[in-house]
């Protein structure tokens, strides 16, 4: 069973019922030594990989705007906005080892996620 199917199943969904898709920014580079397990991204790397990414949530396109990625209290916390119609403010509580794929699947099943629908999500300072 793939990670994607396992996450969808844990949310009580099948792959045919998934309502979240993502558009990859680029193809990840392959490691020359495939025997090593990939290291999880640092909070800074995850921030960069997610910020500005185009996603589709519940059939509507959104742009991800990341506010913060922090590793605290044994977990990884991600705060972001989904810019689109409607806009959402989202807080994710993940494992410290989670990366982009896990964030996108967590968004797809909504747990453990806090979604707040807003008319206009506040903009982050530049």
PDB file of N, CA and C in Angstrom:
ATOM      1  N   UNK A   1       0.859  -1.182   0.000  1.00  0.00           N
ATOM      2  CA  UNK A   1       0.000   0.000   0.000  1.00  0.00           C
ATOM      3  C   UNK A   1       0.898   1.237   0.000  1.00  0.00           C
ATOM      4  N   UNK A   2       0.588   2.189  -0.842  1.00  0.00           N
ATOM      5  CA  UNK A   2       1.390   3.407  -0.912  1.00  0.00           C
ATOM      6  C   UNK A   2       1.074   4.313   0.267  1.00  0.00           C
ATOM      7  N   UNK A   3       1.983   5.253   0.524  1.00  0.00           N
ATOM      8  CA  UNK A   3       1.763   6.238   1.584  1.00  0.00           C
ATOM      9  C   UNK A   3       0.473   7.001   1.324  1.00  0.00           C
ATOM     10  N   UNK A   4       0.257   7.365   0.083  1.00  0.00           N
ATOM     11  CA  UNK A   4      -0.945   8.129  -0.278  1.00  0.00           C
ATOM     12  C   UNK A   4      -2.204   7.351   0.072  1.00  0.00           C
ATOM     13  N   UNK A   5      -2.261   6.080  -0.322  1.00  0.00           N
ATOM     14  CA  UNK A   5      -3.446   5.278  -0.028  1.00  0.00           C
ATOM     15  C   UNK A   5      -3.619   5.046   1.462  1.00  0.00           C
ATOM     16  N   UNK A   6      -2.496   4.849   2.193  1.00  0.00           N
ATOM     17  CA  UNK A   6      -2.583   4.654   3.640  1.00  0.00           C
ATOM     18  C   UNK A   6      -3.138   5.903   4.321  1.00  0.00           C
ATOM     19  N   UNK A   7      -2.678   7.079   3.897  1.00  0.00           N
ATOM     20  CA  UNK A   7      -3.184   8.315   4.495  1.00  0.00           C
ATOM     21  C   UNK A   7      -4.654   8.532   4.154  1.00  0.00           C
ATOM     22  N   UNK A   8      -5.014   8.282   2.916  1.00  0.00           N
ATOM     23  CA  UNK A   8      -6.419   8.428   2.541  1.00  0.00           C
ATOM     24  C   UNK A   8      -7.298   7.453   3.314  1.00  0.00           C
ATOM     25  N   UNK A   9      -6.842   6.203   3.446  1.00  0.00           N
ATOM     26  CA  UNK A   9      -7.617   5.206   4.189  1.00  0.00           C
ATOM     27  C   UNK A   9      -7.778   5.622   5.652  1.00  0.00           C
ATOM     28  N   UNK A  10      -6.690   6.202   6.259  1.00  0.00           N
ATOM     29  CA  UNK A  10      -6.770   6.635   7.658  1.00  0.00           C
ATOM     30  C   UNK A  10      -7.784   7.762   7.830  1.00  0.00           C
ATOM     31  N   UNK A  11      -8.078   8.476   6.752  1.00  0.00           N
ATOM     32  CA  UNK A  11      -9.074   9.552   6.779  1.00  0.00           C
ATOM     33  C   UNK A  11     -10.456   9.044   6.405  1.00  0.00           C
ATOM     34  N   UNK A  12     -10.572   7.735   6.173  1.00  0.00           N
ATOM     35  CA  UNK A  12     -11.852   7.175   5.784  1.00  0.00           C
ATOM     36  C   UNK A  12     -12.199   7.460   4.329  1.00  0.00           C
ATOM     37  N   UNK A  13     -11.180   7.637   3.487  1.00  0.00           N
ATOM     38  CA  UNK A  13     -11.406   7.978   2.092  1.00  0.00           C
ATOM     39  C   UNK A  13     -10.740   6.948   1.198  1.00  0.00           C
ATOM     40  N   UNK A  14     -11.200   6.856  -0.021  1.00  0.00           N
ATOM     41  CA  UNK A  14     -10.514   6.073  -1.031  1.00  0.00           C
ATOM     42  C   UNK A  14      -9.835   7.040  -1.983  1.00  0.00           C
ATOM     43  N   UNK A  15      -8.920   6.536  -2.791  1.00  0.00           N
ATOM     44  CA  UNK A  15      -8.226   7.432  -3.718  1.00  0.00           C
ATOM     45  C   UNK A  15      -9.197   8.062  -4.702  1.00  0.00           C
ATOM     46  N   UNK A  16     -10.299   7.403  -5.005  1.00  0.00           N
ATOM     47  CA  UNK A  16     -11.271   7.978  -5.928  1.00  0.00           C
ATOM     48  C   UNK A  16     -12.088   9.088  -5.270  1.00  0.00           C
ATOM     49  N   UNK A  17     -12.084   9.151  -3.928  1.00  0.00           N
ATOM     50  CA  UNK A  17     -12.867  10.175  -3.224  1.00  0.00           C
ATOM     51  C   UNK A  17     -12.019  11.365  -2.803  1.00  0.00           C
ATOM     52  N   UNK A  18     -10.725  11.339  -3.077  1.00  0.00           N
ATOM     53  CA  UNK A  18      -9.852  12.430  -2.649  1.00  0.00           C
ATOM     54  C   UNK A  18     -10.283  13.730  -3.307  1.00  0.00           C
ATOM     55  N   UNK A  19     -10.265  14.799  -2.536  1.00  0.00           N
ATOM     56  CA  UNK A  19     -10.708  16.090  -3.033  1.00  0.00           C
ATOM     57  C   UNK A  19      -9.591  17.109  -3.042  1.00  0.00           C
ATOM     58  N   UNK A  20      -8.354  16.668  -2.955  1.00  0.00           N
ATOM     59  CA  UNK A  20      -7.215  17.574  -2.907  1.00  0.00           C
ATOM     60  C   UNK A  20      -6.187  17.095  -3.903  1.00  0.00           C
ATOM     61  N   UNK A  21      -5.681  17.985  -4.703  1.00  0.00           N
ATOM     62  CA  UNK A  21      -4.620  17.659  -5.650  1.00  0.00           C
ATOM     63  C   UNK A  21      -3.560  18.736  -5.559  1.00  0.00           C
ATOM     64  N   UNK A  22      -2.369  18.408  -5.952  1.00  0.00           N
ATOM     65  CA  UNK A  22      -1.309  19.406  -5.947  1.00  0.00           C
ATOM     66  C   UNK A  22      -0.581  19.373  -7.264  1.00  0.00           C
ATOM     67  N   UNK A  23      -0.032  20.516  -7.608  1.00  0.00           N
ATOM     68  CA  UNK A  23       0.698  20.664  -8.847  1.00  0.00           C
ATOM     69  C   UNK A  23       2.162  20.818  -8.470  1.00  0.00           C
ATOM     70  N   UNK A  24       2.999  19.835  -8.793  1.00  0.00           N
ATOM     71  CA  UNK A  24       4.399  19.922  -8.369  1.00  0.00           C
ATOM     72  C   UNK A  24       5.107  21.095  -9.015  1.00  0.00           C
ATOM     73  N   UNK A  25       5.927  21.778  -8.213  1.00  0.00           N
ATOM     74  CA  UNK A  25       6.698  22.912  -8.720  1.00  0.00           C
ATOM     75  C   UNK A  25       7.821  22.419  -9.618  1.00  0.00           C
ATOM     76  N   UNK A  26       8.385  21.270  -9.290  1.00  0.00           N
ATOM     77  CA  UNK A  26       9.451  20.694 -10.102  1.00  0.00           C
ATOM     78  C   UNK A  26       9.590  19.233  -9.728  1.00  0.00           C
ATOM     79  N   UNK A  27      10.327  18.499 -10.530  1.00  0.00           N
ATOM     80  CA  UNK A  27      10.586  17.096 -10.237  1.00  0.00           C
ATOM     81  C   UNK A  27      11.730  17.020  -9.246  1.00  0.00           C
ATOM     82  N   UNK A  28      11.552  16.289  -8.122  1.00  0.00           N
ATOM     83  CA  UNK A  28      12.624  16.218  -7.132  1.00  0.00           C
ATOM     84  C   UNK A  28      13.868  15.544  -7.708  1.00  0.00           C
ATOM     85  N   UNK A  29      15.027  16.002  -7.276  1.00  0.00           N
ATOM     86  CA  UNK A  29      16.282  15.418  -7.718  1.00  0.00           C
ATOM     87  C   UNK A  29      16.434  14.022  -7.122  1.00  0.00           C
ATOM     88  N   UNK A  30      17.017  13.129  -7.872  1.00  0.00           N
ATOM     89  CA  UNK A  30      17.274  11.770  -7.404  1.00  0.00           C
ATOM     90  C   UNK A  30      18.634  11.716  -6.731  1.00  0.00           C
ATOM     91  N   UNK A  31      18.722  10.948  -5.649  1.00  0.00           N
ATOM     92  CA  UNK A  31      19.995  10.747  -4.977  1.00  0.00           C
ATOM     93  C   UNK A  31      20.784   9.702  -5.748  1.00  0.00           C
ATOM     94  N   UNK A  32      22.094   9.905  -5.841  1.00  0.00           N
ATOM     95  CA  UNK A  32      22.917   8.936  -6.544  1.00  0.00           C
ATOM     96  C   UNK A  32      23.008   7.642  -5.754  1.00  0.00           C
ATOM     97  N   UNK A  33      22.955   7.712  -4.437  1.00  0.00           N
ATOM     98  CA  UNK A  33      22.998   6.520  -3.605  1.00  0.00           C
ATOM     99  C   UNK A  33      21.596   6.250  -3.076  1.00  0.00           C
ATOM    100  N   UNK A  34      20.882   5.336  -3.710  1.00  0.00           N
ATOM    101  CA  UNK A  34      19.501   5.041  -3.344  1.00  0.00           C
ATOM    102  C   UNK A  34      19.396   4.241  -2.046  1.00  0.00           C
ATOM    103  N   UNK A  35      20.532   3.758  -1.491  1.00  0.00           N
ATOM    104  CA  UNK A  35      20.471   2.962  -0.269  1.00  0.00           C
ATOM    105  C   UNK A  35      20.181   3.825   0.954  1.00  0.00           C
ATOM    106  N   UNK A  36      20.459   5.128   0.891  1.00  0.00           N
ATOM    107  CA  UNK A  36      20.206   6.006   2.016  1.00  0.00           C
ATOM    108  C   UNK A  36      18.752   6.466   2.011  1.00  0.00           C
ATOM    109  N   UNK A  37      18.140   6.451   3.173  1.00  0.00           N
ATOM    110  CA  UNK A  37      16.779   6.980   3.283  1.00  0.00           C
ATOM    111  C   UNK A  37      16.849   8.499   3.221  1.00  0.00           C
ATOM    112  N   UNK A  38      15.919   9.134   2.503  1.00  0.00           N
ATOM    113  CA  UNK A  38      15.962  10.595   2.430  1.00  0.00           C
ATOM    114  C   UNK A  38      15.718  11.212   3.802  1.00  0.00           C
ATOM    115  N   UNK A  39      16.431  12.293   4.072  1.00  0.00           N
ATOM    116  CA  UNK A  39      16.267  13.007   5.327  1.00  0.00           C
ATOM    117  C   UNK A  39      15.026  13.895   5.239  1.00  0.00           C
ATOM    118  N   UNK A  40      14.294  14.023   6.337  1.00  0.00           N
ATOM    119  CA  UNK A  40      13.148  14.935   6.297  1.00  0.00           C
ATOM    120  C   UNK A  40      13.632  16.365   6.109  1.00  0.00           C
ATOM    121  N   UNK A  41      12.816  17.196   5.469  1.00  0.00           N
ATOM    122  CA  UNK A  41      13.236  18.574   5.255  1.00  0.00           C
ATOM    123  C   UNK A  41      13.271  19.350   6.571  1.00  0.00           C
ATOM    124  N   UNK A  42      14.157  20.318   6.637  1.00  0.00           N
ATOM    125  CA  UNK A  42      14.184  21.223   7.787  1.00  0.00           C
ATOM    126  C   UNK A  42      12.941  22.112   7.701  1.00  0.00           C
ATOM    127  N   UNK A  43      12.571  22.784   8.783  1.00  0.00           N
ATOM    128  CA  UNK A  43      11.438  23.709   8.703  1.00  0.00           C
ATOM    129  C   UNK A  43      11.617  24.747   7.598  1.00  0.00           C
ATOM    130  N   UNK A  44      12.836  25.238   7.424  1.00  0.00           N
ATOM    131  CA  UNK A  44      13.099  26.242   6.385  1.00  0.00           C
ATOM    132  C   UNK A  44      12.904  25.660   4.987  1.00  0.00           C
ATOM    133  N   UNK A  45      13.364  24.419   4.784  1.00  0.00           N
ATOM    134  CA  UNK A  45      13.190  23.763   3.484  1.00  0.00           C
ATOM    135  C   UNK A  45      11.723  23.503   3.188  1.00  0.00           C
ATOM    136  N   UNK A  46      10.966  23.083   4.207  1.00  0.00           N
ATOM    137  CA  UNK A  46       9.544  22.824   4.014  1.00  0.00           C
ATOM    138  C   UNK A  46       8.810  24.126   3.704  1.00  0.00           C
ATOM    139  N   UNK A  47       9.161  25.193   4.405  1.00  0.00           N
ATOM    140  CA  UNK A  47       8.566  26.505   4.143  1.00  0.00           C
ATOM    141  C   UNK A  47       8.762  26.876   2.672  1.00  0.00           C
ATOM    142  N   UNK A  48      10.004  26.775   2.200  1.00  0.00           N
ATOM    143  CA  UNK A  48      10.327  27.145   0.817  1.00  0.00           C
ATOM    144  C   UNK A  48       9.612  26.251  -0.194  1.00  0.00           C
ATOM    145  N   UNK A  49       9.483  24.973   0.116  1.00  0.00           N
ATOM    146  CA  UNK A  49       8.845  24.033  -0.812  1.00  0.00           C
ATOM    147  C   UNK A  49       7.338  24.253  -0.921  1.00  0.00           C
ATOM    148  N   UNK A  50       6.719  24.759   0.141  1.00  0.00           N
ATOM    149  CA  UNK A  50       5.259  24.944   0.146  1.00  0.00           C
ATOM    150  C   UNK A  50       4.831  26.344  -0.284  1.00  0.00           C
ATOM    151  N   UNK A  51       5.569  27.366   0.112  1.00  0.00           N
ATOM    152  CA  UNK A  51       5.154  28.746  -0.104  1.00  0.00           C
ATOM    153  C   UNK A  51       5.044  29.059  -1.596  1.00  0.00           C
ATOM    154  N   UNK A  52       3.875  29.521  -2.005  1.00  0.00           N
ATOM    155  CA  UNK A  52       3.637  29.875  -3.398  1.00  0.00           C
ATOM    156  C   UNK A  52       3.147  28.728  -4.263  1.00  0.00           C
ATOM    157  N   UNK A  53       3.091  27.527  -3.729  1.00  0.00           N
ATOM    158  CA  UNK A  53       2.647  26.353  -4.492  1.00  0.00           C
ATOM    159  C   UNK A  53       1.171  26.484  -4.834  1.00  0.00           C
ATOM    160  N   UNK A  54       0.811  26.071  -6.027  1.00  0.00           N
ATOM    161  CA  UNK A  54      -0.589  26.035  -6.447  1.00  0.00           C
ATOM    162  C   UNK A  54      -1.174  24.685  -6.077  1.00  0.00           C
ATOM    163  N   UNK A  55      -2.344  24.679  -5.433  1.00  0.00           N
ATOM    164  CA  UNK A  55      -3.022  23.444  -5.046  1.00  0.00           C
ATOM    165  C   UNK A  55      -4.493  23.535  -5.428  1.00  0.00           C
ATOM    166  N   UNK A  56      -5.133  22.396  -5.458  1.00  0.00           N
ATOM    167  CA  UNK A  56      -6.572  22.350  -5.682  1.00  0.00           C
ATOM    168  C   UNK A  56      -7.206  21.718  -4.451  1.00  0.00           C
ATOM    169  N   UNK A  57      -8.117  22.440  -3.810  1.00  0.00           N
ATOM    170  CA  UNK A  57      -8.795  21.965  -2.612  1.00  0.00           C
ATOM    171  C   UNK A  57     -10.285  21.996  -2.874  1.00  0.00           C
ATOM    172  N   UNK A  58     -10.931  20.875  -2.706  1.00  0.00           N
ATOM    173  CA  UNK A  58     -12.372  20.746  -2.912  1.00  0.00           C
ATOM    174  C   UNK A  58     -12.799  21.298  -4.274  1.00  0.00           C
ATOM    175  N   UNK A  59     -11.987  20.996  -5.289  1.00  0.00           N
ATOM    176  CA  UNK A  59     -12.315  21.386  -6.651  1.00  0.00           C
ATOM    177  C   UNK A  59     -11.989  22.827  -7.020  1.00  0.00           C
ATOM    178  N   UNK A  60     -11.338  23.577  -6.132  1.00  0.00           N
ATOM    179  CA  UNK A  60     -11.003  24.978  -6.406  1.00  0.00           C
ATOM    180  C   UNK A  60      -9.505  25.197  -6.228  1.00  0.00           C
ATOM    181  N   UNK A  61      -8.927  26.015  -7.114  1.00  0.00           N
ATOM    182  CA  UNK A  61      -7.489  26.306  -7.052  1.00  0.00           C
ATOM    183  C   UNK A  61      -7.184  27.313  -5.945  1.00  0.00           C
ATOM    184  N   UNK A  62      -6.077  27.049  -5.256  1.00  0.00           N
ATOM    185  CA  UNK A  62      -5.593  27.937  -4.204  1.00  0.00           C
ATOM    186  C   UNK A  62      -4.082  28.070  -4.330  1.00  0.00           C
ATOM    187  N   UNK A  63      -3.565  29.171  -3.848  1.00  0.00           N
ATOM    188  CA  UNK A  63      -2.124  29.377  -3.722  1.00  0.00           C
ATOM    189  C   UNK A  63      -1.789  29.296  -2.243  1.00  0.00           C
ATOM    190  N   UNK A  64      -0.779  28.509  -1.911  1.00  0.00           N
ATOM    191  CA  UNK A  64      -0.357  28.334  -0.525  1.00  0.00           C
ATOM    192  C   UNK A  64       0.522  29.513  -0.121  1.00  0.00           C
ATOM    193  N   UNK A  65       0.171  30.115   1.003  1.00  0.00           N
ATOM    194  CA  UNK A  65       1.002  31.168   1.593  1.00  0.00           C
ATOM    195  C   UNK A  65       1.358  30.713   3.010  1.00  0.00           C
ATOM    196  N   UNK A  66       2.613  30.369   3.206  1.00  0.00           N
ATOM    197  CA  UNK A  66       3.063  29.822   4.488  1.00  0.00           C
ATOM    198  C   UNK A  66       3.388  30.961   5.446  1.00  0.00           C
ATOM    199  N   UNK A  67       2.855  30.862   6.660  1.00  0.00           N
ATOM    200  CA  UNK A  67       3.188  31.835   7.707  1.00  0.00           C
ATOM    201  C   UNK A  67       4.355  31.339   8.545  1.00  0.00           C
ATOM    202  N   UNK A  68       4.340  30.055   8.924  1.00  0.00           N
ATOM    203  CA  UNK A  68       5.447  29.532   9.727  1.00  0.00           C
ATOM    204  C   UNK A  68       5.474  28.012   9.671  1.00  0.00           C
ATOM    205  N   UNK A  69       6.676  27.475   9.851  1.00  0.00           N
ATOM    206  CA  UNK A  69       6.904  26.035  10.040  1.00  0.00           C
ATOM    207  C   UNK A  69       7.837  25.931  11.227  1.00  0.00           C
ATOM    208  N   UNK A  70       7.379  25.277  12.287  1.00  0.00           N
ATOM    209  CA  UNK A  70       8.178  25.194  13.517  1.00  0.00           C
ATOM    210  C   UNK A  70       8.147  23.773  14.048  1.00  0.00           C
ATOM    211  N   UNK A  71       9.277  23.330  14.546  1.00  0.00           N
ATOM    212  CA  UNK A  71       9.375  22.057  15.252  1.00  0.00           C
ATOM    213  C   UNK A  71       9.407  22.369  16.732  1.00  0.00           C
ATOM    214  N   UNK A  72       8.311  22.061  17.420  1.00  0.00           N
ATOM    215  CA  UNK A  72       8.205  22.323  18.855  1.00  0.00           C
ATOM    216  C   UNK A  72       7.378  21.236  19.516  1.00  0.00           C
ATOM    217  N   UNK A  73       7.698  20.987  20.762  1.00  0.00           N
ATOM    218  CA  UNK A  73       6.955  20.051  21.601  1.00  0.00           C
ATOM    219  C   UNK A  73       6.834  18.684  20.917  1.00  0.00           C
ATOM    220  N   UNK A  74       7.917  18.267  20.255  1.00  0.00           N
ATOM    221  CA  UNK A  74       7.949  16.950  19.629  1.00  0.00           C
ATOM    222  C   UNK A  74       7.149  16.822  18.356  1.00  0.00           C
ATOM    223  N   UNK A  75       6.640  17.910  17.822  1.00  0.00           N
ATOM    224  CA  UNK A  75       5.812  17.883  16.612  1.00  0.00           C
ATOM    225  C   UNK A  75       6.275  18.975  15.650  1.00  0.00           C
ATOM    226  N   UNK A  76       5.783  18.888  14.425  1.00  0.00           N
ATOM    227  CA  UNK A  76       6.004  19.937  13.423  1.00  0.00           C
ATOM    228  C   UNK A  76       4.676  20.665  13.244  1.00  0.00           C
ATOM    229  N   UNK A  77       4.719  21.987  13.381  1.00  0.00           N
ATOM    230  CA  UNK A  77       3.532  22.835  13.262  1.00  0.00           C
ATOM    231  C   UNK A  77       3.670  23.697  12.010  1.00  0.00           C
ATOM    232  N   UNK A  78       2.651  23.688  11.163  1.00  0.00           N
ATOM    233  CA  UNK A  78       2.656  24.472   9.933  1.00  0.00           C
ATOM    234  C   UNK A  78       1.423  25.370   9.946  1.00  0.00           C
ATOM    235  N   UNK A  79       1.636  26.670   9.813  1.00  0.00           N
ATOM    236  CA  UNK A  79       0.534  27.627   9.700  1.00  0.00           C
ATOM    237  C   UNK A  79       0.583  28.209   8.303  1.00  0.00           C
ATOM    238  N   UNK A  80      -0.554  28.162   7.608  1.00  0.00           N
ATOM    239  CA  UNK A  80      -0.585  28.649   6.236  1.00  0.00           C
ATOM    240  C   UNK A  80      -1.966  29.173   5.880  1.00  0.00           C
ATOM    241  N   UNK A  81      -2.004  29.896   4.782  1.00  0.00           N
ATOM    242  CA  UNK A  81      -3.273  30.347   4.197  1.00  0.00           C
ATOM    243  C   UNK A  81      -3.399  29.695   2.838  1.00  0.00           C
ATOM    244  N   UNK A  82      -4.618  29.344   2.486  1.00  0.00           N
ATOM    245  CA  UNK A  82      -4.934  28.902   1.136  1.00  0.00           C
ATOM    246  C   UNK A  82      -5.644  30.069   0.479  1.00  0.00           C
ATOM    247  N   UNK A  83      -4.958  30.728  -0.446  1.00  0.00           N
ATOM    248  CA  UNK A  83      -5.496  31.906  -1.129  1.00  0.00           C
ATOM    249  C   UNK A  83      -6.333  31.471  -2.317  1.00  0.00           C
ATOM    250  N   UNK A  84      -7.561  31.889  -2.338  1.00  0.00           N
ATOM    251  CA  UNK A  84      -8.482  31.549  -3.415  1.00  0.00           C
ATOM    252  C   UNK A  84      -9.889  31.858  -2.960  1.00  0.00           C
ATOM    253  N   UNK A  85     -10.847  31.325  -3.657  1.00  0.00           N
ATOM    254  CA  UNK A  85     -12.255  31.519  -3.290  1.00  0.00           C
ATOM    255  C   UNK A  85     -12.859  30.179  -2.945  1.00  0.00           C
ATOM    256  N   UNK A  86     -13.207  29.930  -1.710  1.00  0.00           N
ATOM    257  CA  UNK A  86     -12.960  30.785  -0.550  1.00  0.00           C
ATOM    258  C   UNK A  86     -11.526  30.628  -0.065  1.00  0.00           C
ATOM    259  N   UNK A  87     -11.090  31.540   0.788  1.00  0.00           N
ATOM    260  CA  UNK A  87      -9.762  31.472   1.404  1.00  0.00           C
ATOM    261  C   UNK A  87      -9.867  30.730   2.733  1.00  0.00           C
ATOM    262  N   UNK A  88      -8.777  30.068   3.125  1.00  0.00           N
ATOM    263  CA  UNK A  88      -8.738  29.342   4.389  1.00  0.00           C
ATOM    264  C   UNK A  88      -7.458  29.668   5.128  1.00  0.00           C
ATOM    265  N   UNK A  89      -7.532  29.741   6.444  1.00  0.00           N
ATOM    266  CA  UNK A  89      -6.361  29.749   7.317  1.00  0.00           C
ATOM    267  C   UNK A  89      -6.256  28.345   7.893  1.00  0.00           C
ATOM    268  N   UNK A  90      -5.054  27.761   7.875  1.00  0.00           N
ATOM    269  CA  UNK A  90      -4.888  26.358   8.238  1.00  0.00           C
ATOM    270  C   UNK A  90      -3.735  26.215   9.220  1.00  0.00           C
ATOM    271  N   UNK A  91      -3.943  25.383  10.245  1.00  0.00           N
ATOM    272  CA  UNK A  91      -2.872  24.986  11.159  1.00  0.00           C
ATOM    273  C   UNK A  91      -2.758  23.471  11.104  1.00  0.00           C
ATOM    274  N   UNK A  92      -1.545  22.979  10.872  1.00  0.00           N
ATOM    275  CA  UNK A  92      -1.291  21.540  10.793  1.00  0.00           C
ATOM    276  C   UNK A  92      -0.402  21.114  11.951  1.00  0.00           C
ATOM    277  N   UNK A  93      -0.722  19.991  12.569  1.00  0.00           N
ATOM    278  CA  UNK A  93       0.104  19.372  13.607  1.00  0.00           C
ATOM    279  C   UNK A  93       0.578  18.043  13.027  1.00  0.00           C
ATOM    280  N   UNK A  94       1.896  17.935  12.780  1.00  0.00           N
ATOM    281  CA  UNK A  94       2.444  16.793  12.071  1.00  0.00           C
ATOM    282  C   UNK A  94       3.600  16.172  12.841  1.00  0.00           C
ATOM    283  N   UNK A  95       4.088  15.047  12.341  1.00  0.00           N
ATOM    284  CA  UNK A  95       5.314  14.454  12.878  1.00  0.00           C
ATOM    285  C   UNK A  95       6.498  15.297  12.414  1.00  0.00           C
ATOM    286  N   UNK A  96       7.554  15.354  13.217  1.00  0.00           N
ATOM    287  CA  UNK A  96       8.734  16.149  12.844  1.00  0.00           C
ATOM    288  C   UNK A  96       9.353  15.684  11.533  1.00  0.00           C
ATOM    289  N   UNK A  97       9.158  14.432  11.185  1.00  0.00           N
ATOM    290  CA  UNK A  97       9.754  13.892   9.966  1.00  0.00           C
ATOM    291  C   UNK A  97       8.924  14.174   8.718  1.00  0.00           C
ATOM    292  N   UNK A  98       7.745  14.787   8.865  1.00  0.00           N
ATOM    293  CA  UNK A  98       6.862  15.001   7.722  1.00  0.00           C
ATOM    294  C   UNK A  98       7.380  16.083   6.795  1.00  0.00           C
ATOM    295  N   UNK A  99       7.123  15.882   5.506  1.00  0.00           N
ATOM    296  CA  UNK A  99       7.549  16.817   4.468  1.00  0.00           C
ATOM    297  C   UNK A  99       6.363  17.281   3.636  1.00  0.00           C
ATOM    298  N   UNK A 100       6.654  17.710   2.419  1.00  0.00           N
ATOM    299  CA  UNK A 100       5.638  18.288   1.536  1.00  0.00           C
ATOM    300  C   UNK A 100       4.501  17.304   1.270  1.00  0.00           C
ATOM    301  N   UNK A 101       4.836  16.071   0.920  1.00  0.00           N
ATOM    302  CA  UNK A 101       3.800  15.090   0.585  1.00  0.00           C
ATOM    303  C   UNK A 101       2.836  14.888   1.750  1.00  0.00           C
ATOM    304  N   UNK A 102       3.374  14.770   2.947  1.00  0.00           N
ATOM    305  CA  UNK A 102       2.524  14.562   4.120  1.00  0.00           C
ATOM    306  C   UNK A 102       1.661  15.784   4.409  1.00  0.00           C
ATOM    307  N   UNK A 103       2.208  16.986   4.206  1.00  0.00           N
ATOM    308  CA  UNK A 103       1.411  18.198   4.399  1.00  0.00           C
ATOM    309  C   UNK A 103       0.232  18.203   3.445  1.00  0.00           C
ATOM    310  N   UNK A 104       0.487  17.890   2.185  1.00  0.00           N
ATOM    311  CA  UNK A 104      -0.585  17.913   1.189  1.00  0.00           C
ATOM    312  C   UNK A 104      -1.646  16.860   1.483  1.00  0.00           C
ATOM    313  N   UNK A 105      -1.246  15.685   1.942  1.00  0.00           N
ATOM    314  CA  UNK A 105      -2.235  14.672   2.288  1.00  0.00           C
ATOM    315  C   UNK A 105      -2.986  15.024   3.570  1.00  0.00           C
ATOM    316  N   UNK A 106      -2.304  15.657   4.524  1.00  0.00           N
ATOM    317  CA  UNK A 106      -3.001  16.100   5.735  1.00  0.00           C
ATOM    318  C   UNK A 106      -4.088  17.105   5.381  1.00  0.00           C
ATOM    319  N   UNK A 107      -3.785  18.001   4.460  1.00  0.00           N
ATOM    320  CA  UNK A 107      -4.797  18.957   4.015  1.00  0.00           C
ATOM    321  C   UNK A 107      -5.981  18.247   3.368  1.00  0.00           C
ATOM    322  N   UNK A 108      -5.706  17.160   2.663  1.00  0.00           N
ATOM    323  CA  UNK A 108      -6.774  16.478   1.939  1.00  0.00           C
ATOM    324  C   UNK A 108      -7.782  15.800   2.857  1.00  0.00           C
ATOM    325  N   UNK A 109      -7.345  15.374   4.054  1.00  0.00           N
ATOM    326  CA  UNK A 109      -8.301  14.674   4.924  1.00  0.00           C
ATOM    327  C   UNK A 109      -8.703  15.480   6.148  1.00  0.00           C
ATOM    328  N   UNK A 110      -8.061  16.605   6.384  1.00  0.00           N
ATOM    329  CA  UNK A 110      -8.500  17.521   7.429  1.00  0.00           C
ATOM    330  C   UNK A 110      -8.219  17.110   8.849  1.00  0.00           C
ATOM    331  N   UNK A 111      -7.350  16.126   9.094  1.00  0.00           N
ATOM    332  CA  UNK A 111      -7.065  15.740  10.467  1.00  0.00           C
ATOM    333  C   UNK A 111      -5.605  15.380  10.597  1.00  0.00           C
ATOM    334  N   UNK A 112      -4.870  15.842  11.589  1.00  0.00           N
ATOM    335  CA  UNK A 112      -5.265  16.855  12.569  1.00  0.00           C
ATOM    336  C   UNK A 112      -5.018  18.269  12.027  1.00  0.00           C
ATOM    337  N   UNK A 113      -6.057  18.871  11.539  1.00  0.00           N
ATOM    338  CA  UNK A 113      -5.968  20.168  10.882  1.00  0.00           C
ATOM    339  C   UNK A 113      -7.025  21.095  11.446  1.00  0.00           C
ATOM    340  N   UNK A 114      -6.689  22.355  11.572  1.00  0.00           N
ATOM    341  CA  UNK A 114      -7.652  23.379  11.923  1.00  0.00           C
ATOM    342  C   UNK A 114      -7.850  24.264  10.699  1.00  0.00           C
ATOM    343  N   UNK A 115      -9.041  24.201  10.096  1.00  0.00           N
ATOM    344  CA  UNK A 115      -9.375  25.042   8.956  1.00  0.00           C
ATOM    345  C   UNK A 115     -10.263  26.177   9.445  1.00  0.00           C
ATOM    346  N   UNK A 116      -9.993  27.371   9.000  1.00  0.00           N
ATOM    347  CA  UNK A 116     -10.874  28.504   9.286  1.00  0.00           C
ATOM    348  C   UNK A 116     -11.161  29.185   7.955  1.00  0.00           C
ATOM    349  N   UNK A 117     -12.409  29.141   7.532  1.00  0.00           N
ATOM    350  CA  UNK A 117     -12.773  29.806   6.285  1.00  0.00           C
ATOM    351  C   UNK A 117     -12.872  31.297   6.563  1.00  0.00           C
ATOM    352  N   UNK A 118     -12.251  32.081   5.702  1.00  0.00           N
ATOM    353  CA  UNK A 118     -12.242  33.530   5.893  1.00  0.00           C
ATOM    354  C   UNK A 118     -12.589  34.198   4.570  1.00  0.00           C
ATOM    355  N   UNK A 119     -13.188  35.380   4.656  1.00  0.00           N
ATOM    356  CA  UNK A 119     -13.493  36.128   3.440  1.00  0.00           C
ATOM    357  C   UNK A 119     -12.222  36.610   2.773  1.00  0.00           C
ATOM    358  N   UNK A 120     -11.262  37.038   3.558  1.00  0.00           N
ATOM    359  CA  UNK A 120      -9.963  37.461   3.024  1.00  0.00           C
ATOM    360  C   UNK A 120      -8.910  37.152   4.070  1.00  0.00           C
ATOM    361  N   UNK A 121      -8.074  36.171   3.785  1.00  0.00           N
ATOM    362  CA  UNK A 121      -7.029  35.810   4.732  1.00  0.00           C
ATOM    363  C   UNK A 121      -6.045  36.959   4.852  1.00  0.00           C
ATOM    364  N   UNK A 122      -5.585  37.265   6.067  1.00  0.00           N
ATOM    365  CA  UNK A 122      -4.620  38.351   6.235  1.00  0.00           C
ATOM    366  C   UNK A 122      -3.343  38.039   5.468  1.00  0.00           C
ATOM    367  N   UNK A 123      -2.684  39.057   4.973  1.00  0.00           N
ATOM    368  CA  UNK A 123      -1.441  38.863   4.255  1.00  0.00           C
ATOM    369  C   UNK A 123      -0.282  38.861   5.231  1.00  0.00           C
ATOM    370  N   UNK A 124       0.731  38.090   4.902  1.00  0.00           N
ATOM    371  CA  UNK A 124       1.914  38.061   5.770  1.00  0.00           C
ATOM    372  C   UNK A 124       2.809  39.228   5.419  1.00  0.00           C
ATOM    373  N   UNK A 125       3.538  39.749   6.388  1.00  0.00           N
ATOM    374  CA  UNK A 125       4.465  40.858   6.094  1.00  0.00           C
ATOM    375  C   UNK A 125       5.586  40.361   5.192  1.00  0.00           C
ATOM    376  N   UNK A 126       6.031  41.194   4.263  1.00  0.00           N
ATOM    377  CA  UNK A 126       7.104  40.792   3.349  1.00  0.00           C
ATOM    378  C   UNK A 126       8.424  41.294   3.826  1.00  0.00           C
TER     379      UNK A 126
END
